[in-house]
Amino acid sequence: MSTATENVRKLPGDLEFLTPLCPLCTEYTNSYPDGLQCDRCGIAWDSDGTNPERLDPDAEQCPSLYRPHHRCSHPGHTDEPEYRCWGDVGHDSKHYNPDSLYEWTTSGQTGEASS
């Protein structure tokens, strides 16, 4: 004899809607009533993803620099790009710059930028 619950399939849980990725650190942003925010980078956007602002506009920028070592075959070409970390002083993650494909640690930095 079968019961009424033997043929009932369990339904999945609710869907999780993901927020956009932060263009600086590529982590998911957090949603707040007045917009989106990356807590790691200290940047906030309007709810439509426009008008970025620093959460603490007076925070001092991290002084770490990264200069990838490229081997260029062009004679006299010595210009190497230099990337300054976009984080605030004392951030607790790797250094990053959205114009660079690289993240670097303090041990890999090439120097400190002048303020």
Protein backbone atom coordinates (compact mmCIF):
# COMPACT_ATOMS: atom_id res chain seq x y z
CA MET A 1 0.00 0.00 0.00
CA SER A 2 1.45 3.37 -0.94
CA THR A 3 1.11 6.56 1.07
CA ALA A 4 0.52 10.07 -0.25
CA THR A 5 4.07 11.23 0.62
CA GLU A 6 6.00 8.49 -1.23
CA ASN A 7 5.67 10.25 -4.59
CA VAL A 8 6.34 13.81 -3.39
CA ARG A 9 9.67 15.22 -4.53
CA LYS A 10 11.45 17.71 -2.28
CA LEU A 11 11.78 21.18 -3.78
CA PRO A 12 15.15 22.97 -3.96
CA GLY A 13 15.98 25.94 -1.77
CA ASP A 14 15.57 29.57 -2.75
CA LEU A 15 17.71 31.13 -5.49
CA GLU A 16 20.62 33.29 -4.46
CA PHE A 17 20.97 36.48 -6.48
CA LEU A 18 24.61 37.47 -6.84
CA THR A 19 25.78 41.04 -6.78
CA PRO A 20 28.22 42.43 -9.36
CA LEU A 21 31.95 41.86 -8.96
CA CYS A 22 34.09 44.73 -7.73
CA PRO A 23 36.22 45.95 -10.67
CA LEU A 24 39.20 46.40 -8.36
CA CYS A 25 39.49 43.14 -6.42
CA THR A 26 36.97 40.99 -8.37
CA GLU A 27 35.15 39.94 -5.17
CA TYR A 28 31.35 40.11 -5.03
CA THR A 29 30.02 43.44 -3.80
CA ASN A 30 27.53 43.70 -0.94
CA SER A 31 24.03 45.05 -1.41
CA TYR A 32 22.79 47.79 0.90
CA PRO A 33 19.52 49.77 0.80
CA ASP A 34 21.26 52.75 -0.85
CA GLY A 35 23.48 50.82 -3.27
CA LEU A 36 26.36 48.39 -3.66
CA GLN A 37 29.61 48.36 -1.76
CA CYS A 38 32.93 46.52 -1.73
CA ASP A 39 33.97 46.33 1.89
CA ARG A 40 37.42 45.03 0.93
CA CYS A 41 38.20 48.02 -1.31
CA GLY A 42 36.16 50.66 0.51
CA ILE A 43 34.20 51.70 -2.59
CA ALA A 44 30.43 52.26 -2.89
CA TRP A 45 28.21 52.61 -5.98
CA ASP A 46 24.61 53.63 -6.56
CA SER A 47 22.21 50.68 -6.87
CA ASP A 48 22.58 50.80 -10.67
CA GLY A 49 26.38 50.42 -10.39
CA THR A 50 27.25 54.03 -11.23
CA ASN A 51 28.86 56.92 -9.33
CA PRO A 52 31.66 55.15 -7.45
CA GLU A 53 32.80 56.83 -4.24
CA ARG A 54 35.36 55.94 -1.59
CA LEU A 55 33.80 55.10 1.75
CA ASP A 56 36.57 57.08 3.44
CA PRO A 57 37.69 59.74 0.95
CA ASP A 58 40.36 60.95 3.37
CA ALA A 59 42.03 57.55 3.81
CA GLU A 60 45.68 57.50 2.79
CA GLN A 61 46.50 55.36 -0.25
CA CYS A 62 48.72 52.29 0.13
CA PRO A 63 52.26 53.23 -0.94
CA SER A 64 53.16 49.83 -2.43
CA LEU A 65 54.29 49.72 -6.07
CA TYR A 66 54.67 46.85 -8.50
CA ARG A 67 56.78 46.93 -11.64
CA PRO A 68 56.63 43.72 -13.68
CA HIS A 69 59.93 42.75 -15.21
CA HIS A 70 59.39 42.50 -18.95
CA ARG A 71 62.05 41.37 -21.32
CA CYS A 72 61.71 43.62 -24.33
CA SER A 73 63.67 43.00 -27.52
CA HIS A 74 63.40 46.60 -28.76
CA PRO A 75 66.73 48.43 -28.42
CA GLY A 76 66.62 51.31 -25.98
CA HIS A 77 63.17 50.37 -24.66
CA THR A 78 63.46 50.52 -20.90
CA ASP A 79 60.07 51.92 -19.92
CA GLU A 80 58.37 49.52 -17.57
CA PRO A 81 54.86 50.12 -16.30
CA GLU A 82 54.50 50.82 -12.62
CA TYR A 83 51.32 50.03 -10.71
CA ARG A 84 50.40 51.60 -7.40
CA CYS A 85 48.14 49.62 -5.10
CA TRP A 86 44.62 51.07 -5.00
CA GLY A 87 43.98 49.97 -1.42
CA ASP A 88 44.16 52.13 1.68
CA VAL A 89 47.21 52.14 3.94
CA GLY A 90 47.16 49.09 6.18
CA HIS A 91 44.74 47.00 4.09
CA ASP A 92 44.78 43.33 5.01
CA SER A 93 44.85 41.71 1.60
CA LYS A 94 47.22 41.46 -1.35
CA HIS A 95 48.08 44.63 -3.20
CA TYR A 96 46.09 45.20 -6.37
CA ASN A 97 45.60 47.64 -9.21
CA PRO A 98 42.80 47.20 -11.78
CA ASP A 99 45.15 48.16 -14.63
CA SER A 100 47.47 45.27 -13.79
CA LEU A 101 46.90 41.55 -14.22
CA TYR A 102 49.03 40.99 -11.14
CA GLU A 103 48.43 40.99 -7.41
CA TRP A 104 51.52 41.20 -5.29
CA THR A 105 52.56 40.74 -1.71
CA THR A 106 54.70 43.18 0.24
CA SER A 107 57.71 40.93 -0.32
CA GLY A 108 57.18 41.30 -4.07
CA GLN A 109 56.81 45.05 -4.20
CA THR A 110 59.38 47.13 -6.01
CA GLY A 111 59.19 50.13 -3.73
CA GLU A 112 56.97 52.72 -2.22
CA ALA A 113 55.39 55.63 -4.02
CA SER A 114 55.82 59.14 -2.81
CA SER A 115 52.53 60.55 -1.58
